[in-house]
């Protein structure tokens, strides 16, 4: 017996809740200067209820080859990785139109 999605009531095989939630998110990517003028890429606007921020941070850190963390509803990556982050988020299923890179 297939598992049923609690949101839409469809079997998990054909459930589209995850895809729809990714399409509706407005993501903001920007760089902040931190201590000793070190660059820190901040990704905010990702709904932490529909996406596991810890796992997403792990994937972004691996793709950008940098350190970072996920806390307070945002992902922080060491260094200026705005272009790479946008590419990676699109590969992971987020809409390119909804990603605002500053």
N, C-alpha and C. Protein backbone atom coordinates (compact mmCIF):
# COMPACT_ATOMS: atom_id res chain seq x y z
N UNK A 1 0.85 -1.18 0.00
CA UNK A 1 0.00 0.00 0.00
C UNK A 1 0.89 1.24 0.00
N UNK A 2 0.61 2.16 -0.88
CA UNK A 2 1.41 3.38 -1.02
C UNK A 2 1.08 4.36 0.11
N UNK A 3 2.09 5.12 0.49
CA UNK A 3 1.88 6.14 1.51
C UNK A 3 1.08 7.30 0.91
N UNK A 4 0.27 7.93 1.73
CA UNK A 4 -0.58 9.04 1.30
C UNK A 4 0.00 10.35 1.84
N UNK A 5 0.05 11.36 0.98
CA UNK A 5 0.53 12.69 1.38
C UNK A 5 -0.52 13.35 2.28
N UNK A 6 -0.14 13.88 3.45
CA UNK A 6 -1.12 14.50 4.33
C UNK A 6 -1.66 15.84 3.80
N UNK A 7 -0.93 16.50 2.90
CA UNK A 7 -1.37 17.79 2.37
C UNK A 7 -2.41 17.66 1.28
N UNK A 8 -2.09 16.85 0.25
CA UNK A 8 -2.97 16.78 -0.91
C UNK A 8 -3.83 15.52 -0.97
N UNK A 9 -3.47 14.48 -0.23
CA UNK A 9 -4.25 13.26 -0.21
C UNK A 9 -3.91 12.29 -1.32
N UNK A 10 -2.93 12.62 -2.16
CA UNK A 10 -2.50 11.74 -3.24
C UNK A 10 -1.41 10.81 -2.75
N UNK A 11 -1.20 9.69 -3.47
CA UNK A 11 -0.07 8.82 -3.11
C UNK A 11 1.25 9.58 -3.26
N UNK A 12 2.22 9.27 -2.43
CA UNK A 12 3.50 9.99 -2.43
C UNK A 12 4.23 9.87 -3.77
N UNK A 13 3.93 8.80 -4.56
CA UNK A 13 4.57 8.62 -5.86
C UNK A 13 4.23 9.77 -6.82
N UNK A 14 3.00 10.25 -6.78
CA UNK A 14 2.57 11.29 -7.72
C UNK A 14 2.28 12.63 -7.05
N UNK A 15 2.64 12.76 -5.78
CA UNK A 15 2.41 14.00 -5.03
C UNK A 15 3.24 15.14 -5.63
N UNK A 16 2.64 16.31 -5.76
CA UNK A 16 3.30 17.47 -6.33
C UNK A 16 3.48 18.60 -5.30
N UNK A 17 3.25 18.34 -4.04
CA UNK A 17 3.34 19.37 -3.00
C UNK A 17 4.73 19.99 -2.92
N UNK A 18 5.78 19.18 -2.99
CA UNK A 18 7.15 19.69 -2.91
C UNK A 18 7.50 20.57 -4.08
N UNK A 19 7.05 20.20 -5.27
CA UNK A 19 7.34 20.98 -6.47
C UNK A 19 6.61 22.31 -6.42
N UNK A 20 5.35 22.30 -6.01
CA UNK A 20 4.57 23.52 -5.94
C UNK A 20 5.14 24.47 -4.89
N UNK A 21 5.57 23.93 -3.76
CA UNK A 21 6.12 24.80 -2.71
C UNK A 21 7.43 25.45 -3.17
N UNK A 22 8.23 24.73 -3.96
CA UNK A 22 9.47 25.31 -4.47
C UNK A 22 9.20 26.41 -5.48
N UNK A 23 8.14 26.27 -6.26
CA UNK A 23 7.82 27.25 -7.29
C UNK A 23 7.30 28.55 -6.70
N UNK A 24 6.74 28.53 -5.50
CA UNK A 24 6.11 29.70 -4.93
C UNK A 24 7.03 30.51 -4.01
N UNK A 25 8.24 30.07 -3.79
CA UNK A 25 9.13 30.75 -2.85
C UNK A 25 9.91 31.87 -3.52
N UNK A 26 10.04 33.00 -2.84
CA UNK A 26 10.86 34.12 -3.30
C UNK A 26 12.17 34.06 -2.53
N UNK A 27 13.26 33.79 -3.25
CA UNK A 27 14.57 33.59 -2.62
C UNK A 27 15.44 34.80 -2.90
N UNK A 28 16.09 35.29 -1.87
CA UNK A 28 16.97 36.45 -1.98
C UNK A 28 18.40 36.00 -1.67
N UNK A 29 19.32 36.29 -2.60
CA UNK A 29 20.73 35.92 -2.44
C UNK A 29 21.55 37.20 -2.48
N UNK A 30 22.33 37.45 -1.44
CA UNK A 30 23.15 38.66 -1.38
C UNK A 30 24.43 38.38 -0.59
N UNK A 31 25.37 39.33 -0.66
CA UNK A 31 26.65 39.20 0.02
C UNK A 31 26.75 40.26 1.10
N UNK A 32 27.22 39.84 2.26
CA UNK A 32 27.47 40.75 3.39
C UNK A 32 28.95 40.70 3.72
N UNK A 33 29.47 41.83 4.16
CA UNK A 33 30.86 41.86 4.66
C UNK A 33 30.80 41.58 6.15
N UNK A 34 31.51 40.58 6.59
CA UNK A 34 31.53 40.20 8.00
C UNK A 34 32.83 40.67 8.64
N UNK A 35 33.17 40.06 9.71
CA UNK A 35 34.37 40.41 10.46
C UNK A 35 35.61 40.38 9.58
N UNK A 36 36.46 41.36 9.71
CA UNK A 36 37.69 41.51 8.93
C UNK A 36 37.42 41.56 7.42
N UNK A 37 36.29 42.13 7.04
CA UNK A 37 35.88 42.33 5.65
C UNK A 37 35.81 41.04 4.83
N UNK A 38 35.47 39.96 5.48
CA UNK A 38 35.29 38.68 4.79
C UNK A 38 33.88 38.63 4.19
N UNK A 39 33.78 38.12 2.97
CA UNK A 39 32.48 38.04 2.30
C UNK A 39 31.70 36.82 2.80
N UNK A 40 30.38 36.99 2.94
CA UNK A 40 29.49 35.92 3.37
C UNK A 40 28.26 35.98 2.49
N UNK A 41 27.98 34.91 1.74
CA UNK A 41 26.80 34.84 0.90
C UNK A 41 25.62 34.39 1.76
N UNK A 42 24.54 35.17 1.73
CA UNK A 42 23.35 34.88 2.52
C UNK A 42 22.21 34.50 1.57
N UNK A 43 21.55 33.39 1.85
CA UNK A 43 20.40 32.94 1.08
C UNK A 43 19.22 32.91 2.04
N UNK A 44 18.22 33.73 1.78
CA UNK A 44 17.05 33.76 2.66
C UNK A 44 15.78 33.71 1.83
N UNK A 45 14.68 33.38 2.49
CA UNK A 45 13.39 33.29 1.82
C UNK A 45 12.97 31.88 1.51
N UNK A 46 13.77 30.90 1.87
CA UNK A 46 13.41 29.51 1.65
C UNK A 46 12.59 29.04 2.84
N UNK A 47 11.43 28.48 2.56
CA UNK A 47 10.53 28.02 3.61
C UNK A 47 11.12 26.79 4.27
N UNK A 48 11.47 26.89 5.55
CA UNK A 48 12.11 25.77 6.23
C UNK A 48 11.13 24.66 6.60
N UNK A 49 9.83 24.88 6.40
CA UNK A 49 8.86 23.83 6.68
C UNK A 49 8.75 22.84 5.52
N UNK A 50 8.96 23.33 4.29
CA UNK A 50 8.84 22.45 3.14
C UNK A 50 10.19 21.93 2.65
N UNK A 51 11.29 22.62 3.02
CA UNK A 51 12.63 22.22 2.59
C UNK A 51 13.52 22.11 3.82
N UNK A 52 14.29 21.04 3.91
CA UNK A 52 15.23 20.88 5.01
C UNK A 52 16.44 21.76 4.76
N UNK A 53 16.55 22.86 5.51
CA UNK A 53 17.63 23.82 5.29
C UNK A 53 19.01 23.21 5.53
N UNK A 54 19.12 22.31 6.48
CA UNK A 54 20.41 21.68 6.76
C UNK A 54 20.92 20.88 5.57
N UNK A 55 20.05 20.09 4.97
CA UNK A 55 20.46 19.30 3.81
C UNK A 55 20.73 20.18 2.60
N UNK A 56 19.90 21.22 2.42
CA UNK A 56 20.11 22.14 1.31
C UNK A 56 21.44 22.87 1.48
N UNK A 57 21.76 23.25 2.72
CA UNK A 57 23.04 23.91 2.99
C UNK A 57 24.20 22.96 2.68
N UNK A 58 24.07 21.69 3.03
CA UNK A 58 25.11 20.70 2.72
C UNK A 58 25.34 20.61 1.22
N UNK A 59 24.26 20.55 0.45
CA UNK A 59 24.39 20.45 -1.01
C UNK A 59 25.04 21.70 -1.58
N UNK A 60 24.63 22.88 -1.11
CA UNK A 60 25.21 24.12 -1.62
C UNK A 60 26.68 24.25 -1.25
N UNK A 61 27.03 23.83 -0.03
CA UNK A 61 28.44 23.88 0.39
C UNK A 61 29.29 22.96 -0.47
N UNK A 62 28.76 21.78 -0.80
CA UNK A 62 29.50 20.84 -1.64
C UNK A 62 29.65 21.37 -3.06
N UNK A 63 28.58 21.96 -3.60
CA UNK A 63 28.63 22.47 -4.97
C UNK A 63 29.52 23.71 -5.10
N UNK A 64 29.57 24.51 -4.04
CA UNK A 64 30.39 25.74 -4.08
C UNK A 64 31.78 25.53 -3.49
N UNK A 65 32.03 24.38 -2.90
CA UNK A 65 33.32 24.05 -2.29
C UNK A 65 33.71 25.10 -1.25
N UNK A 66 32.82 25.30 -0.27
CA UNK A 66 33.07 26.29 0.77
C UNK A 66 32.45 25.81 2.08
N UNK A 67 32.67 26.56 3.13
CA UNK A 67 32.06 26.27 4.41
C UNK A 67 30.80 27.09 4.57
N UNK A 68 30.03 26.78 5.58
CA UNK A 68 28.82 27.54 5.81
C UNK A 68 27.93 26.88 6.85
N UNK A 69 26.74 27.46 7.01
CA UNK A 69 25.80 26.95 8.01
C UNK A 69 24.38 27.32 7.61
N UNK A 70 23.43 26.68 8.28
CA UNK A 70 22.01 27.02 8.13
C UNK A 70 21.49 27.34 9.52
N UNK A 71 21.09 28.59 9.73
CA UNK A 71 20.52 28.97 11.02
C UNK A 71 19.63 30.19 10.86
N UNK A 72 18.69 30.34 11.76
CA UNK A 72 17.75 31.45 11.78
C UNK A 72 16.98 31.59 10.47
N UNK A 73 16.66 30.47 9.82
CA UNK A 73 15.87 30.50 8.60
C UNK A 73 16.62 30.96 7.37
N UNK A 74 17.95 30.99 7.43
CA UNK A 74 18.75 31.38 6.27
C UNK A 74 19.97 30.49 6.17
N UNK A 75 20.57 30.47 4.97
CA UNK A 75 21.79 29.71 4.74
C UNK A 75 22.92 30.71 4.54
N UNK A 76 24.04 30.48 5.22
CA UNK A 76 25.20 31.36 5.12
C UNK A 76 26.36 30.55 4.56
N UNK A 77 26.95 31.06 3.47
CA UNK A 77 28.10 30.41 2.86
C UNK A 77 29.29 31.34 2.92
N UNK A 78 30.47 30.81 3.21
CA UNK A 78 31.67 31.63 3.29
C UNK A 78 32.16 31.98 1.89
N UNK A 79 32.32 33.25 1.63
CA UNK A 79 32.80 33.73 0.33
C UNK A 79 31.66 34.27 -0.52
N UNK A 80 32.02 34.81 -1.69
CA UNK A 80 31.04 35.37 -2.62
C UNK A 80 30.72 34.31 -3.67
N UNK A 81 29.56 33.67 -3.54
CA UNK A 81 29.16 32.58 -4.42
C UNK A 81 27.78 32.83 -5.04
N UNK A 82 27.44 34.08 -5.30
CA UNK A 82 26.10 34.41 -5.78
C UNK A 82 25.74 33.68 -7.07
N UNK A 83 26.65 33.68 -8.05
CA UNK A 83 26.34 33.05 -9.33
C UNK A 83 26.21 31.53 -9.22
N UNK A 84 27.12 30.92 -8.47
CA UNK A 84 27.07 29.47 -8.28
C UNK A 84 25.81 29.06 -7.54
N UNK A 85 25.42 29.86 -6.53
CA UNK A 85 24.24 29.53 -5.74
C UNK A 85 23.00 29.57 -6.62
N UNK A 86 22.90 30.56 -7.49
CA UNK A 86 21.74 30.65 -8.38
C UNK A 86 21.67 29.42 -9.29
N UNK A 87 22.80 29.03 -9.88
CA UNK A 87 22.84 27.84 -10.72
C UNK A 87 22.41 26.59 -9.95
N UNK A 88 22.94 26.45 -8.75
CA UNK A 88 22.66 25.27 -7.94
C UNK A 88 21.19 25.20 -7.54
N UNK A 89 20.61 26.33 -7.17
CA UNK A 89 19.20 26.35 -6.77
C UNK A 89 18.30 25.98 -7.95
N UNK A 90 18.66 26.45 -9.15
CA UNK A 90 17.87 26.09 -10.33
C UNK A 90 17.98 24.59 -10.60
N UNK A 91 19.17 24.02 -10.44
CA UNK A 91 19.36 22.57 -10.62
C UNK A 91 18.55 21.77 -9.60
N UNK A 92 18.39 22.34 -8.40
CA UNK A 92 17.66 21.64 -7.34
C UNK A 92 16.15 21.81 -7.44
N UNK A 93 15.66 22.54 -8.46
CA UNK A 93 14.22 22.61 -8.70
C UNK A 93 13.55 23.92 -8.36
N UNK A 94 14.28 24.93 -7.93
CA UNK A 94 13.69 26.23 -7.65
C UNK A 94 13.56 27.02 -8.95
N UNK A 95 12.56 27.88 -9.05
CA UNK A 95 12.32 28.67 -10.26
C UNK A 95 13.33 29.80 -10.36
N UNK A 96 13.94 29.96 -11.54
CA UNK A 96 14.96 31.00 -11.75
C UNK A 96 14.35 32.40 -11.61
N UNK A 97 13.08 32.56 -11.99
CA UNK A 97 12.42 33.86 -11.91
C UNK A 97 12.22 34.30 -10.45
N UNK A 98 12.16 33.35 -9.54
CA UNK A 98 11.91 33.65 -8.12
C UNK A 98 13.19 33.84 -7.32
N UNK A 99 14.35 33.76 -7.96
CA UNK A 99 15.62 33.93 -7.26
C UNK A 99 16.13 35.32 -7.56
N UNK A 100 16.23 36.16 -6.53
CA UNK A 100 16.69 37.53 -6.66
C UNK A 100 18.13 37.61 -6.18
N UNK A 101 19.07 37.82 -7.13
CA UNK A 101 20.49 37.91 -6.79
C UNK A 101 20.88 39.38 -6.80
N UNK A 102 21.46 39.83 -5.69
CA UNK A 102 21.86 41.24 -5.57
C UNK A 102 23.36 41.36 -5.46
